[in-house]
N, C-alpha and C. Protein backbone atom coordinates (compact mmCIF):
# COMPACT_ATOMS: atom_id res chain seq x y z
N MET A 1 -5.27 -14.50 -1.99
CA MET A 1 -4.19 -13.57 -2.17
C MET A 1 -4.13 -12.65 -0.95
N ILE A 2 -2.96 -12.57 -0.36
CA ILE A 2 -2.77 -11.77 0.84
C ILE A 2 -2.27 -10.37 0.51
N LEU A 3 -1.30 -10.28 -0.39
CA LEU A 3 -0.74 -8.98 -0.76
C LEU A 3 -1.40 -8.49 -2.04
N ASN A 4 -2.57 -7.90 -1.88
CA ASN A 4 -3.28 -7.36 -3.05
C ASN A 4 -2.81 -5.93 -3.32
N GLY A 5 -3.35 -5.30 -4.31
CA GLY A 5 -2.94 -3.95 -4.68
C GLY A 5 -3.06 -2.95 -3.55
N GLN A 6 -4.12 -3.06 -2.77
CA GLN A 6 -4.34 -2.13 -1.66
C GLN A 6 -3.21 -2.24 -0.63
N VAL A 7 -2.81 -3.46 -0.33
CA VAL A 7 -1.72 -3.68 0.63
C VAL A 7 -0.38 -3.26 0.02
N LEU A 8 -0.17 -3.62 -1.24
CA LEU A 8 1.11 -3.32 -1.89
C LEU A 8 1.37 -1.83 -2.03
N ARG A 9 0.33 -1.03 -2.10
CA ARG A 9 0.52 0.42 -2.18
C ARG A 9 1.18 0.98 -0.93
N ARG A 10 1.14 0.24 0.16
CA ARG A 10 1.73 0.70 1.42
C ARG A 10 3.19 0.22 1.59
N VAL A 11 3.66 -0.58 0.65
CA VAL A 11 5.02 -1.13 0.73
C VAL A 11 6.02 -0.12 0.19
N LYS A 12 7.14 0.04 0.91
CA LYS A 12 8.19 0.96 0.46
C LYS A 12 8.84 0.42 -0.82
N LYS A 13 9.25 1.33 -1.67
CA LYS A 13 9.89 0.95 -2.95
C LYS A 13 11.20 0.19 -2.72
N THR A 14 11.82 0.38 -1.57
CA THR A 14 13.10 -0.28 -1.28
C THR A 14 12.92 -1.70 -0.74
N ALA A 15 11.68 -2.08 -0.46
CA ALA A 15 11.42 -3.43 0.08
C ALA A 15 11.56 -4.47 -1.03
N TRP A 16 11.82 -5.69 -0.62
CA TRP A 16 11.86 -6.81 -1.56
C TRP A 16 10.89 -7.85 -1.05
N ILE A 17 9.96 -8.25 -1.89
CA ILE A 17 8.93 -9.21 -1.52
C ILE A 17 9.28 -10.56 -2.09
N PHE A 18 9.38 -11.57 -1.21
CA PHE A 18 9.61 -12.94 -1.64
C PHE A 18 8.29 -13.68 -1.49
N ASP A 19 7.69 -14.04 -2.61
CA ASP A 19 6.40 -14.73 -2.60
C ASP A 19 6.67 -16.23 -2.57
N LEU A 20 6.48 -16.83 -1.40
CA LEU A 20 6.76 -18.26 -1.22
C LEU A 20 5.54 -19.14 -1.42
N ALA A 21 4.40 -18.54 -1.63
CA ALA A 21 3.15 -19.30 -1.78
C ALA A 21 3.17 -20.11 -3.08
N SER A 22 2.57 -21.28 -3.01
CA SER A 22 2.49 -22.11 -4.21
C SER A 22 1.29 -21.69 -5.06
N ALA A 23 1.12 -22.37 -6.15
CA ALA A 23 0.02 -22.13 -7.10
C ALA A 23 0.07 -20.69 -7.63
N GLN A 24 -0.97 -19.91 -7.43
CA GLN A 24 -1.03 -18.56 -7.97
C GLN A 24 -0.25 -17.55 -7.14
N GLY A 25 0.21 -17.94 -5.99
CA GLY A 25 0.99 -17.05 -5.16
C GLY A 25 0.16 -16.24 -4.20
N GLY A 26 0.85 -15.54 -3.32
CA GLY A 26 0.17 -14.76 -2.30
C GLY A 26 0.24 -13.27 -2.53
N ALA A 27 0.91 -12.86 -3.62
CA ALA A 27 1.05 -11.44 -3.93
C ALA A 27 0.56 -11.17 -5.35
N ASP A 28 -0.07 -10.05 -5.53
CA ASP A 28 -0.58 -9.64 -6.84
C ASP A 28 0.60 -9.15 -7.68
N ARG A 29 1.08 -9.99 -8.56
CA ARG A 29 2.26 -9.66 -9.36
C ARG A 29 2.03 -8.47 -10.29
N GLN A 30 0.86 -8.39 -10.85
CA GLN A 30 0.56 -7.27 -11.76
C GLN A 30 0.56 -5.94 -11.00
N ALA A 31 -0.02 -5.94 -9.81
CA ALA A 31 -0.04 -4.71 -9.01
C ALA A 31 1.38 -4.35 -8.58
N ALA A 32 2.17 -5.34 -8.19
CA ALA A 32 3.55 -5.08 -7.77
C ALA A 32 4.35 -4.49 -8.93
N GLU A 33 4.15 -5.02 -10.12
CA GLU A 33 4.85 -4.51 -11.29
C GLU A 33 4.42 -3.07 -11.60
N ALA A 34 3.13 -2.82 -11.53
CA ALA A 34 2.61 -1.48 -11.80
C ALA A 34 3.12 -0.46 -10.79
N LEU A 35 3.36 -0.93 -9.55
CA LEU A 35 3.87 -0.06 -8.49
C LEU A 35 5.40 -0.02 -8.46
N ASP A 36 6.03 -0.73 -9.39
CA ASP A 36 7.49 -0.80 -9.49
C ASP A 36 8.13 -1.33 -8.21
N LEU A 37 7.54 -2.42 -7.67
CA LEU A 37 8.06 -3.05 -6.47
C LEU A 37 8.91 -4.27 -6.86
N ASN A 38 9.83 -4.60 -5.98
CA ASN A 38 10.68 -5.79 -6.19
C ASN A 38 9.95 -7.01 -5.66
N LEU A 39 9.49 -7.85 -6.54
CA LEU A 39 8.77 -9.06 -6.17
C LEU A 39 9.43 -10.25 -6.84
N THR A 40 9.78 -11.22 -6.03
CA THR A 40 10.37 -12.45 -6.56
C THR A 40 9.50 -13.62 -6.14
N ALA A 41 9.06 -14.40 -7.11
CA ALA A 41 8.25 -15.59 -6.83
C ALA A 41 9.20 -16.77 -6.59
N LEU A 42 9.03 -17.42 -5.44
CA LEU A 42 9.86 -18.58 -5.09
C LEU A 42 8.98 -19.75 -4.65
N PRO A 43 8.08 -20.19 -5.52
CA PRO A 43 7.15 -21.24 -5.11
C PRO A 43 7.81 -22.61 -4.95
N GLY A 44 9.05 -22.76 -5.38
CA GLY A 44 9.71 -24.06 -5.29
C GLY A 44 10.32 -24.36 -3.94
N LEU A 45 10.36 -23.39 -3.04
CA LEU A 45 10.92 -23.67 -1.72
C LEU A 45 10.03 -24.65 -0.98
N PRO A 46 10.63 -25.53 -0.22
CA PRO A 46 9.85 -26.59 0.45
C PRO A 46 9.15 -26.15 1.72
N GLY A 47 8.57 -24.98 1.72
CA GLY A 47 7.89 -24.47 2.91
C GLY A 47 6.73 -25.31 3.38
N ARG A 48 6.09 -26.00 2.47
CA ARG A 48 4.94 -26.82 2.84
C ARG A 48 5.36 -28.00 3.71
N PHE A 49 6.55 -28.52 3.46
CA PHE A 49 6.99 -29.72 4.16
C PHE A 49 7.91 -29.42 5.35
N SER A 50 8.61 -28.33 5.28
CA SER A 50 9.50 -27.97 6.38
C SER A 50 9.55 -26.45 6.52
N PRO A 51 8.45 -25.86 6.97
CA PRO A 51 8.37 -24.40 7.00
C PRO A 51 9.40 -23.72 7.90
N GLU A 52 9.69 -24.29 9.06
CA GLU A 52 10.66 -23.65 9.95
C GLU A 52 12.06 -23.68 9.36
N THR A 53 12.46 -24.84 8.84
CA THR A 53 13.78 -24.96 8.25
C THR A 53 13.90 -24.08 7.02
N SER A 54 12.87 -24.03 6.20
CA SER A 54 12.89 -23.18 5.01
C SER A 54 13.03 -21.72 5.40
N ALA A 55 12.31 -21.30 6.43
CA ALA A 55 12.39 -19.91 6.89
C ALA A 55 13.79 -19.59 7.41
N GLU A 56 14.39 -20.52 8.15
CA GLU A 56 15.74 -20.31 8.67
C GLU A 56 16.76 -20.18 7.54
N ILE A 57 16.66 -21.05 6.56
CA ILE A 57 17.59 -21.02 5.43
C ILE A 57 17.43 -19.72 4.65
N LEU A 58 16.20 -19.33 4.40
CA LEU A 58 15.95 -18.09 3.66
C LEU A 58 16.44 -16.88 4.45
N ALA A 59 16.17 -16.85 5.75
CA ALA A 59 16.63 -15.73 6.59
C ALA A 59 18.15 -15.66 6.61
N ASP A 60 18.81 -16.80 6.72
CA ASP A 60 20.28 -16.82 6.71
C ASP A 60 20.82 -16.29 5.40
N TYR A 61 20.20 -16.70 4.31
CA TYR A 61 20.65 -16.23 2.99
C TYR A 61 20.47 -14.72 2.85
N ILE A 62 19.30 -14.23 3.22
CA ILE A 62 19.03 -12.81 3.10
C ILE A 62 20.02 -12.01 3.95
N CYS A 63 20.26 -12.46 5.17
CA CYS A 63 21.22 -11.76 6.04
C CYS A 63 22.61 -11.78 5.44
N SER A 64 23.01 -12.89 4.83
CA SER A 64 24.35 -12.97 4.24
C SER A 64 24.50 -12.02 3.05
N VAL A 65 23.42 -11.81 2.33
CA VAL A 65 23.46 -10.89 1.17
C VAL A 65 23.44 -9.44 1.63
N LEU A 66 22.62 -9.14 2.63
CA LEU A 66 22.45 -7.76 3.06
C LEU A 66 23.53 -7.28 4.01
N LEU A 67 24.12 -8.18 4.76
CA LEU A 67 25.11 -7.75 5.77
C LEU A 67 26.50 -7.94 5.30
């Protein structure tokens, strides 16, 4: 786990965390919930097989929503 409670305490409340890791994930969901952070688990993205393309598609989508 990369984003544990200690790390998540430093995240701004306005941030949105997309957990792309498979299996148990890379972020502590319970800690994120307790800290009232926006965390979305997206383990179904094909990052394992095409990480660059997946990152480009996700970045394009996020930019289209935010801009």
